[in-house]
PDB file of N, CA and C in Angstrom:
ATOM      1  N   MET A   1     -27.565 -62.161  60.913  1.00  0.00           N
ATOM      2  CA  MET A   1     -28.551 -62.078  60.287  1.00  0.00           C
ATOM      3  C   MET A   1     -28.477 -60.471  59.616  1.00  0.00           C
ATOM      4  N   ASN A   2     -28.246 -60.531  58.046  1.00  0.00           N
ATOM      5  CA  ASN A   2     -28.380 -59.138  57.410  1.00  0.00           C
ATOM      6  C   ASN A   2     -29.561 -58.929  57.116  1.00  0.00           C
ATOM      7  N   ILE A   3     -29.922 -57.651  57.106  1.00  0.00           N
ATOM      8  CA  ILE A   3     -30.999 -56.726  56.800  1.00  0.00           C
ATOM      9  C   ILE A   3     -30.962 -55.651  55.810  1.00  0.00           C
ATOM     10  N   SER A   4     -31.255 -55.755  54.927  1.00  0.00           N
ATOM     11  CA  SER A   4     -30.988 -54.742  53.671  1.00  0.00           C
ATOM     12  C   SER A   4     -32.185 -53.916  53.472  1.00  0.00           C
ATOM     13  N   ASN A   5     -31.912 -52.665  53.523  1.00  0.00           N
ATOM     14  CA  ASN A   5     -33.226 -51.765  53.080  1.00  0.00           C
ATOM     15  C   ASN A   5     -32.602 -51.116  51.478  1.00  0.00           C
ATOM     16  N   ARG A   6     -33.625 -51.517  50.465  1.00  0.00           N
ATOM     17  CA  ARG A   6     -33.205 -51.624  49.360  1.00  0.00           C
ATOM     18  C   ARG A   6     -34.347 -50.414  48.745  1.00  0.00           C
ATOM     19  N   HIS A   7     -33.856 -49.067  48.203  1.00  0.00           N
ATOM     20  CA  HIS A   7     -34.710 -48.151  47.571  1.00  0.00           C
ATOM     21  C   HIS A   7     -34.541 -47.953  46.271  1.00  0.00           C
ATOM     22  N   THR A   8     -35.632 -48.185  45.769  1.00  0.00           N
ATOM     23  CA  THR A   8     -35.274 -47.839  44.209  1.00  0.00           C
ATOM     24  C   THR A   8     -35.982 -46.474  43.849  1.00  0.00           C
ATOM     25  N   VAL A   9     -35.061 -45.856  43.216  1.00  0.00           N
ATOM     26  CA  VAL A   9     -35.189 -44.522  42.711  1.00  0.00           C
ATOM     27  C   VAL A   9     -35.767 -44.364  41.086  1.00  0.00           C
ATOM     28  N   VAL A  10     -36.836 -44.247  41.225  1.00  0.00           N
ATOM     29  CA  VAL A  10     -37.648 -43.774  39.815  1.00  0.00           C
ATOM     30  C   VAL A  10     -37.250 -42.652  39.376  1.00  0.00           C
ATOM     31  N   ALA A  11     -36.821 -42.481  38.266  1.00  0.00           N
ATOM     32  CA  ALA A  11     -36.726 -41.169  37.613  1.00  0.00           C
ATOM     33  C   ALA A  11     -38.057 -40.580  37.297  1.00  0.00           C
ATOM     34  N   THR A  12     -37.926 -39.703  37.107  1.00  0.00           N
ATOM     35  CA  THR A  12     -39.489 -38.878  36.920  1.00  0.00           C
ATOM     36  C   THR A  12     -39.125 -38.807  35.108  1.00  0.00           C
ATOM     37  N   PRO A  13     -40.315 -39.462  34.362  1.00  0.00           N
ATOM     38  CA  PRO A  13     -40.292 -39.329  32.853  1.00  0.00           C
ATOM     39  C   PRO A  13     -40.005 -37.628  32.509  1.00  0.00           C
ATOM     40  N   ARG A  14     -39.132 -37.527  31.315  1.00  0.00           N
ATOM     41  CA  ARG A  14     -39.179 -36.445  30.884  1.00  0.00           C
ATOM     42  C   ARG A  14     -39.013 -36.707  29.582  1.00  0.00           C
ATOM     43  N   ALA A  15     -39.957 -35.392  28.894  1.00  0.00           N
ATOM     44  CA  ALA A  15     -39.544 -35.117  27.254  1.00  0.00           C
ATOM     45  C   ALA A  15     -38.796 -34.512  26.760  1.00  0.00           C
ATOM     46  N   VAL A  16     -38.270 -34.989  25.694  1.00  0.00           N
ATOM     47  CA  VAL A  16     -37.268 -34.077  24.947  1.00  0.00           C
ATOM     48  C   VAL A  16     -37.622 -33.403  23.818  1.00  0.00           C
ATOM     49  N   ARG A  17     -38.971 -34.321  23.386  1.00  0.00           N
ATOM     50  CA  ARG A  17     -39.268 -33.512  22.227  1.00  0.00           C
ATOM     51  C   ARG A  17     -41.163 -33.886  22.183  1.00  0.00           C
ATOM     52  N   ALA A  18     -41.795 -32.673  21.756  1.00  0.00           N
ATOM     53  CA  ALA A  18     -43.503 -33.111  21.306  1.00  0.00           C
ATOM     54  C   ALA A  18     -43.861 -32.337  19.929  1.00  0.00           C
ATOM     55  N   TRP A  19     -44.973 -32.731  19.338  1.00  0.00           N
ATOM     56  CA  TRP A  19     -45.135 -32.220  18.226  1.00  0.00           C
ATOM     57  C   TRP A  19     -46.736 -32.770  18.124  1.00  0.00           C
ATOM     58  N   TYR A  20     -47.543 -32.342  17.231  1.00  0.00           N
ATOM     59  CA  TYR A  20     -48.618 -33.213  16.729  1.00  0.00           C
ATOM     60  C   TYR A  20     -48.556 -33.423  15.404  1.00  0.00           C
ATOM     61  N   ALA A  21     -48.914 -34.550  15.151  1.00  0.00           N
ATOM     62  CA  ALA A  21     -49.167 -35.173  13.795  1.00  0.00           C
ATOM     63  C   ALA A  21     -49.738 -36.358  13.481  1.00  0.00           C
ATOM     64  N   ASP A  22     -50.805 -36.627  12.406  1.00  0.00           N
ATOM     65  CA  ASP A  22     -51.499 -37.403  12.340  1.00  0.00           C
ATOM     66  C   ASP A  22     -52.731 -37.681  13.227  1.00  0.00           C
ATOM     67  N   GLY A  23     -53.514 -36.249  13.824  1.00  0.00           N
ATOM     68  CA  GLY A  23     -54.453 -36.709  14.674  1.00  0.00           C
ATOM     69  C   GLY A  23     -53.711 -37.315  16.286  1.00  0.00           C
ATOM     70  N   PHE A  24     -52.944 -36.897  16.330  1.00  0.00           N
ATOM     71  CA  PHE A  24     -52.026 -37.437  17.543  1.00  0.00           C
ATOM     72  C   PHE A  24     -50.933 -36.325  18.183  1.00  0.00           C
ATOM     73  N   ILE A  25     -51.214 -36.232  19.777  1.00  0.00           N
ATOM     74  CA  ILE A  25     -49.832 -35.372  20.115  1.00  0.00           C
ATOM     75  C   ILE A  25     -48.863 -36.571  20.618  1.00  0.00           C
ATOM     76  N   TRP A  26     -47.652 -36.159  19.953  1.00  0.00           N
ATOM     77  CA  TRP A  26     -46.241 -37.236  20.589  1.00  0.00           C
ATOM     78  C   TRP A  26     -45.452 -36.784  21.517  1.00  0.00           C
ATOM     79  N   ILE A  27     -45.184 -37.396  22.546  1.00  0.00           N
ATOM     80  CA  ILE A  27     -44.075 -37.366  23.024  1.00  0.00           C
ATOM     81  C   ILE A  27     -42.830 -38.160  23.094  1.00  0.00           C
ATOM     82  N   GLU A  28     -41.534 -37.907  22.869  1.00  0.00           N
ATOM     83  CA  GLU A  28     -40.722 -38.498  23.131  1.00  0.00           C
ATOM     84  C   GLU A  28     -39.790 -38.188  24.174  1.00  0.00           C
ATOM     85  N   LEU A  29     -39.339 -39.474  25.162  1.00  0.00           N
ATOM     86  CA  LEU A  29     -39.239 -39.617  26.088  1.00  0.00           C
ATOM     87  C   LEU A  29     -37.412 -39.420  26.438  1.00  0.00           C
ATOM     88  N   GLU A  30     -36.675 -38.897  27.345  1.00  0.00           N
ATOM     89  CA  GLU A  30     -35.405 -39.377  27.606  1.00  0.00           C
ATOM     90  C   GLU A  30     -34.712 -40.564  26.758  1.00  0.00           C
ATOM     91  N   ASP A  31     -35.630 -41.403  27.217  1.00  0.00           N
ATOM     92  CA  ASP A  31     -34.855 -43.215  27.036  1.00  0.00           C
ATOM     93  C   ASP A  31     -35.157 -43.383  25.679  1.00  0.00           C
ATOM     94  N   GLY A  32     -35.817 -42.676  24.922  1.00  0.00           N
ATOM     95  CA  GLY A  32     -36.170 -43.094  23.594  1.00  0.00           C
ATOM     96  C   GLY A  32     -37.641 -43.423  23.264  1.00  0.00           C
ATOM     97  N   ARG A  33     -38.128 -43.779  24.140  1.00  0.00           N
ATOM     98  CA  ARG A  33     -39.791 -44.025  24.192  1.00  0.00           C
ATOM     99  C   ARG A  33     -40.643 -42.993  23.761  1.00  0.00           C
ATOM    100  N   ARG A  34     -41.650 -43.271  22.209  1.00  0.00           N
ATOM    101  CA  ARG A  34     -42.386 -42.301  21.850  1.00  0.00           C
ATOM    102  C   ARG A  34     -43.749 -42.687  22.176  1.00  0.00           C
ATOM    103  N   VAL A  35     -44.379 -41.694  22.539  1.00  0.00           N
ATOM    104  CA  VAL A  35     -45.883 -41.857  23.096  1.00  0.00           C
ATOM    105  C   VAL A  35     -46.532 -41.143  22.488  1.00  0.00           C
ATOM    106  N   GLY A  36     -47.957 -41.220  22.126  1.00  0.00           N
ATOM    107  CA  GLY A  36     -49.141 -40.774  21.268  1.00  0.00           C
ATOM    108  C   GLY A  36     -50.534 -40.663  21.748  1.00  0.00           C
ATOM    109  N   PHE A  37     -51.007 -39.632  22.219  1.00  0.00           N
ATOM    110  CA  PHE A  37     -52.395 -39.685  22.546  1.00  0.00           C
ATOM    111  C   PHE A  37     -53.189 -38.623  21.992  1.00  0.00           C
ATOM    112  N   PRO A  38     -54.635 -39.074  21.794  1.00  0.00           N
ATOM    113  CA  PRO A  38     -55.560 -38.064  20.759  1.00  0.00           C
ATOM    114  C   PRO A  38     -55.617 -36.912  21.868  1.00  0.00           C
ATOM    115  N   PRO A  39     -55.962 -35.673  21.082  1.00  0.00           N
ATOM    116  CA  PRO A  39     -56.395 -34.444  21.822  1.00  0.00           C
ATOM    117  C   PRO A  39     -57.705 -34.764  22.229  1.00  0.00           C
ATOM    118  N   ALA A  40     -58.567 -35.579  22.013  1.00  0.00           N
ATOM    119  CA  ALA A  40     -60.035 -35.562  22.458  1.00  0.00           C
ATOM    120  C   ALA A  40     -59.671 -36.097  24.094  1.00  0.00           C
ATOM    121  N   LYS A  41     -58.789 -36.616  24.580  1.00  0.00           N
ATOM    122  CA  LYS A  41     -58.598 -36.946  25.953  1.00  0.00           C
ATOM    123  C   LYS A  41     -58.881 -35.883  26.590  1.00  0.00           C
ATOM    124  N   PHE A  42     -58.627 -34.659  26.201  1.00  0.00           N
ATOM    125  CA  PHE A  42     -58.418 -33.333  27.279  1.00  0.00           C
ATOM    126  C   PHE A  42     -59.144 -32.336  26.298  1.00  0.00           C
ATOM    127  N   PRO A  43     -60.387 -31.679  27.723  1.00  0.00           N
ATOM    128  CA  PRO A  43     -61.183 -30.675  27.052  1.00  0.00           C
ATOM    129  C   PRO A  43     -60.845 -29.484  26.423  1.00  0.00           C
ATOM    130  N   ARG A  44     -59.691 -29.036  26.571  1.00  0.00           N
ATOM    131  CA  ARG A  44     -59.169 -27.654  26.083  1.00  0.00           C
ATOM    132  C   ARG A  44     -58.480 -28.067  24.811  1.00  0.00           C
ATOM    133  N   LEU A  45     -58.282 -29.389  24.705  1.00  0.00           N
ATOM    134  CA  LEU A  45     -57.624 -29.856  23.012  1.00  0.00           C
ATOM    135  C   LEU A  45     -58.476 -30.390  22.319  1.00  0.00           C
ATOM    136  N   GLN A  46     -59.505 -30.982  22.610  1.00  0.00           N
ATOM    137  CA  GLN A  46     -60.305 -31.801  22.115  1.00  0.00           C
ATOM    138  C   GLN A  46     -61.219 -31.303  20.548  1.00  0.00           C
ATOM    139  N   ASN A  47     -61.284 -29.888  20.638  1.00  0.00           N
ATOM    140  CA  ASN A  47     -61.785 -29.245  19.557  1.00  0.00           C
ATOM    141  C   ASN A  47     -60.868 -28.046  18.926  1.00  0.00           C
ATOM    142  N   ALA A  48     -59.340 -28.406  19.554  1.00  0.00           N
ATOM    143  CA  ALA A  48     -58.629 -26.765  19.062  1.00  0.00           C
ATOM    144  C   ALA A  48     -58.146 -27.249  17.612  1.00  0.00           C
ATOM    145  N   ASP A  49     -57.775 -26.386  16.606  1.00  0.00           N
ATOM    146  CA  ASP A  49     -57.286 -26.313  15.696  1.00  0.00           C
ATOM    147  C   ASP A  49     -55.824 -27.175  15.548  1.00  0.00           C
ATOM    148  N   PRO A  50     -55.657 -27.831  14.201  1.00  0.00           N
ATOM    149  CA  PRO A  50     -54.589 -28.491  14.067  1.00  0.00           C
ATOM    150  C   PRO A  50     -53.234 -27.486  14.467  1.00  0.00           C
ATOM    151  N   ALA A  51     -53.451 -26.089  13.945  1.00  0.00           N
ATOM    152  CA  ALA A  51     -52.092 -25.521  14.118  1.00  0.00           C
ATOM    153  C   ALA A  51     -51.934 -25.067  15.652  1.00  0.00           C
ATOM    154  N   ASP A  52     -53.238 -24.913  16.275  1.00  0.00           N
ATOM    155  CA  ASP A  52     -53.202 -24.799  17.783  1.00  0.00           C
ATOM    156  C   ASP A  52     -52.310 -25.532  18.483  1.00  0.00           C
ATOM    157  N   LEU A  53     -52.591 -27.098  18.019  1.00  0.00           N
ATOM    158  CA  LEU A  53     -52.259 -28.216  18.725  1.00  0.00           C
ATOM    159  C   LEU A  53     -50.576 -28.563  18.581  1.00  0.00           C
ATOM    160  N   ALA A  54     -50.366 -27.761  17.219  1.00  0.00           N
ATOM    161  CA  ALA A  54     -48.782 -27.764  16.741  1.00  0.00           C
ATOM    162  C   ALA A  54     -47.964 -26.959  18.106  1.00  0.00           C
ATOM    163  N   GLY A  55     -48.754 -26.290  18.322  1.00  0.00           N
ATOM    164  CA  GLY A  55     -47.873 -24.802  19.291  1.00  0.00           C
ATOM    165  C   GLY A  55     -47.707 -25.572  20.734  1.00  0.00           C
ATOM    166  N   VAL A  56     -47.542 -26.555  20.623  1.00  0.00           N
ATOM    167  CA  VAL A  56     -46.737 -27.537  21.950  1.00  0.00           C
ATOM    168  C   VAL A  56     -45.768 -27.105  22.175  1.00  0.00           C
ATOM    169  N   ARG A  57     -45.386 -27.012  23.819  1.00  0.00           N
ATOM    170  CA  ARG A  57     -44.040 -26.785  24.179  1.00  0.00           C
ATOM    171  C   ARG A  57     -43.787 -27.225  25.156  1.00  0.00           C
ATOM    172  N   ILE A  58     -42.361 -27.915  25.443  1.00  0.00           N
ATOM    173  CA  ILE A  58     -41.906 -28.758  26.852  1.00  0.00           C
ATOM    174  C   ILE A  58     -41.761 -27.534  27.896  1.00  0.00           C
ATOM    175  N   GLU A  59     -42.163 -27.852  28.650  1.00  0.00           N
ATOM    176  CA  GLU A  59     -41.626 -26.771  29.811  1.00  0.00           C
ATOM    177  C   GLU A  59     -41.048 -27.703  31.091  1.00  0.00           C
ATOM    178  N   ALA A  60     -40.997 -26.752  32.300  1.00  0.00           N
ATOM    179  CA  ALA A  60     -40.855 -27.837  33.568  1.00  0.00           C
ATOM    180  C   ALA A  60     -39.529 -28.588  33.406  1.00  0.00           C
ATOM    181  N   ARG A  61     -38.410 -28.528  32.567  1.00  0.00           N
ATOM    182  CA  ARG A  61     -37.552 -29.327  32.293  1.00  0.00           C
ATOM    183  C   ARG A  61     -37.933 -30.825  32.097  1.00  0.00           C
ATOM    184  N   GLY A  62     -38.647 -30.727  30.970  1.00  0.00           N
ATOM    185  CA  GLY A  62     -39.202 -32.042  30.274  1.00  0.00           C
ATOM    186  C   GLY A  62     -40.347 -32.574  31.296  1.00  0.00           C
ATOM    187  N   LYS A  63     -40.685 -32.276  32.095  1.00  0.00           N
ATOM    188  CA  LYS A  63     -41.900 -32.699  33.082  1.00  0.00           C
ATOM    189  C   LYS A  63     -43.269 -32.396  32.531  1.00  0.00           C
ATOM    190  N   ALA A  64     -43.558 -31.212  31.652  1.00  0.00           N
ATOM    191  CA  ALA A  64     -44.867 -30.984  31.237  1.00  0.00           C
ATOM    192  C   ALA A  64     -44.894 -30.517  29.796  1.00  0.00           C
ATOM    193  N   LEU A  65     -46.228 -30.233  29.262  1.00  0.00           N
ATOM    194  CA  LEU A  65     -46.640 -29.887  28.244  1.00  0.00           C
ATOM    195  C   LEU A  65     -47.253 -28.610  28.296  1.00  0.00           C
ATOM    196  N   ARG A  66     -47.213 -27.523  27.476  1.00  0.00           N
ATOM    197  CA  ARG A  66     -47.989 -26.171  27.286  1.00  0.00           C
ATOM    198  C   ARG A  66     -48.111 -26.015  25.684  1.00  0.00           C
ATOM    199  N   TRP A  67     -49.680 -25.502  26.001  1.00  0.00           N
ATOM    200  CA  TRP A  67     -50.043 -24.758  24.965  1.00  0.00           C
ATOM    201  C   TRP A  67     -50.641 -23.518  25.360  1.00  0.00           C
ATOM    202  N   GLU A  68     -49.793 -22.409  24.991  1.00  0.00           N
ATOM    203  CA  GLU A  68     -49.874 -21.238  25.360  1.00  0.00           C
ATOM    204  C   GLU A  68     -51.301 -20.400  25.313  1.00  0.00           C
ATOM    205  N   LYS A  69     -51.384 -20.828  23.538  1.00  0.00           N
ATOM    206  CA  LYS A  69     -52.854 -20.402  23.068  1.00  0.00           C
ATOM    207  C   LYS A  69     -54.097 -20.792  23.693  1.00  0.00           C
ATOM    208  N   LEU A  70     -53.854 -22.434  24.187  1.00  0.00           N
ATOM    209  CA  LEU A  70     -55.086 -22.922  24.400  1.00  0.00           C
ATOM    210  C   LEU A  70     -54.902 -22.803  26.057  1.00  0.00           C
ATOM    211  N   ASP A  71     -54.333 -22.234  26.520  1.00  0.00           N
ATOM    212  CA  ASP A  71     -54.208 -22.201  28.108  1.00  0.00           C
ATOM    213  C   ASP A  71     -54.304 -23.459  28.746  1.00  0.00           C
ATOM    214  N   GLU A  72     -53.498 -24.457  27.964  1.00  0.00           N
ATOM    215  CA  GLU A  72     -53.460 -26.154  28.630  1.00  0.00           C
ATOM    216  C   GLU A  72     -52.079 -26.350  29.094  1.00  0.00           C
ATOM    217  N   ASP A  73     -51.718 -27.232  30.574  1.00  0.00           N
ATOM    218  CA  ASP A  73     -50.559 -27.632  30.523  1.00  0.00           C
ATOM    219  C   ASP A  73     -51.207 -29.176  31.372  1.00  0.00           C
ATOM    220  N   LEU A  74     -50.061 -29.693  30.788  1.00  0.00           N
ATOM    221  CA  LEU A  74     -50.409 -31.126  31.109  1.00  0.00           C
ATOM    222  C   LEU A  74     -49.018 -32.038  31.722  1.00  0.00           C
ATOM    223  N   SER A  75     -49.097 -32.715  32.805  1.00  0.00           N
ATOM    224  CA  SER A  75     -47.907 -33.461  32.860  1.00  0.00           C
ATOM    225  C   SER A  75     -47.369 -34.407  32.557  1.00  0.00           C
ATOM    226  N   VAL A  76     -46.307 -34.908  32.177  1.00  0.00           N
ATOM    227  CA  VAL A  76     -45.649 -36.132  31.269  1.00  0.00           C
ATOM    228  C   VAL A  76     -45.974 -37.290  31.966  1.00  0.00           C
ATOM    229  N   GLU A  77     -45.959 -37.244  33.147  1.00  0.00           N
ATOM    230  CA  GLU A  77     -46.199 -38.337  34.227  1.00  0.00           C
ATOM    231  C   GLU A  77     -47.634 -38.783  34.397  1.00  0.00           C
ATOM    232  N   GLY A  78     -48.550 -37.632  34.398  1.00  0.00           N
ATOM    233  CA  GLY A  78     -49.671 -37.686  34.337  1.00  0.00           C
ATOM    234  C   GLY A  78     -50.489 -38.644  32.643  1.00  0.00           C
ATOM    235  N   ILE A  79     -49.676 -38.041  31.705  1.00  0.00           N
ATOM    236  CA  ILE A  79     -50.039 -38.778  30.158  1.00  0.00           C
ATOM    237  C   ILE A  79     -49.644 -40.291  30.207  1.00  0.00           C
ATOM    238  N   LEU A  80     -48.238 -40.103  30.865  1.00  0.00           N
ATOM    239  CA  LEU A  80     -47.984 -41.912  30.866  1.00  0.00           C
ATOM    240  C   LEU A  80     -48.947 -42.659  31.711  1.00  0.00           C
ATOM    241  N   ALA A  81     -49.407 -41.997  33.014  1.00  0.00           N
ATOM    242  CA  ALA A  81     -50.206 -42.845  33.745  1.00  0.00           C
ATOM    243  C   ALA A  81     -51.700 -42.777  33.351  1.00  0.00           C
ATOM    244  N   GLY A  82     -52.225 -42.374  32.357  1.00  0.00           N
ATOM    245  CA  GLY A  82     -53.333 -42.250  31.461  1.00  0.00           C
ATOM    246  C   GLY A  82     -54.420 -41.357  32.415  1.00  0.00           C
ATOM    247  N   ARG A  83     -53.853 -40.396  33.275  1.00  0.00           N
ATOM    248  CA  ARG A  83     -55.040 -39.723  34.106  1.00  0.00           C
ATOM    249  C   ARG A  83     -55.384 -38.330  33.111  1.00  0.00           C
ATOM    250  N   TRP A  84     -56.671 -38.701  32.113  1.00  0.00           N
ATOM    251  CA  TRP A  84     -57.099 -38.051  31.322  1.00  0.00           C
ATOM    252  C   TRP A  84     -58.834 -37.870  31.711  1.00  0.00           C
ATOM    253  N   TRP A  85     -58.934 -36.619  31.008  1.00  0.00           N
ATOM    254  CA  TRP A  85     -60.616 -36.598  30.765  1.00  0.00           C
ATOM    255  C   TRP A  85     -61.273 -37.591  30.132  1.00  0.00           C
ATOM    256  N   THR A  86     -62.007 -38.183  29.892  1.00  0.00           N
ATOM    257  CA  THR A  86     -63.011 -38.974  28.693  1.00  0.00           C
ATOM    258  C   THR A  86     -64.320 -38.230  28.801  1.00  0.00           C
ATOM    259  N   SER A  87     -64.972 -38.198  27.685  1.00  0.00           N
ATOM    260  CA  SER A  87     -66.286 -37.663  27.409  1.00  0.00           C
ATOM    261  C   SER A  87     -67.528 -38.918  27.642  1.00  0.00           C
ATOM    262  N   GLY A  88     -66.680 -40.123  27.593  1.00  0.00           N
ATOM    263  CA  GLY A  88     -67.788 -41.160  27.346  1.00  0.00           C
ATOM    264  C   GLY A  88     -67.730 -42.135  28.359  1.00  0.00           C
ATOM    265  N   PRO A  89     -68.813 -43.060  28.243  1.00  0.00           N
ATOM    266  CA  PRO A  89     -68.614 -44.046  29.854  1.00  0.00           C
ATOM    267  C   PRO A  89     -67.384 -44.870  30.115  1.00  0.00           C
TER     268      PRO A  89
END
């Protein structure tokens, strides 16, 4: 009898580009996917000026987004998993 232990290695998603456009924050991942989300999903971003939202930087080797002026950090993994704050039911 052969027993096989297969382990699937899942790579951590990494952003290669981030920007604000048309009311959404967008990230482009290493694999080419583009994901957008509304700033209203996060308390520190929801009332921010568009110029401040455009100040997004990629940090932690593509694993996080940072808005220095807004003092906000978001993980790319959390964004993709839909872990965010909402104001409604």
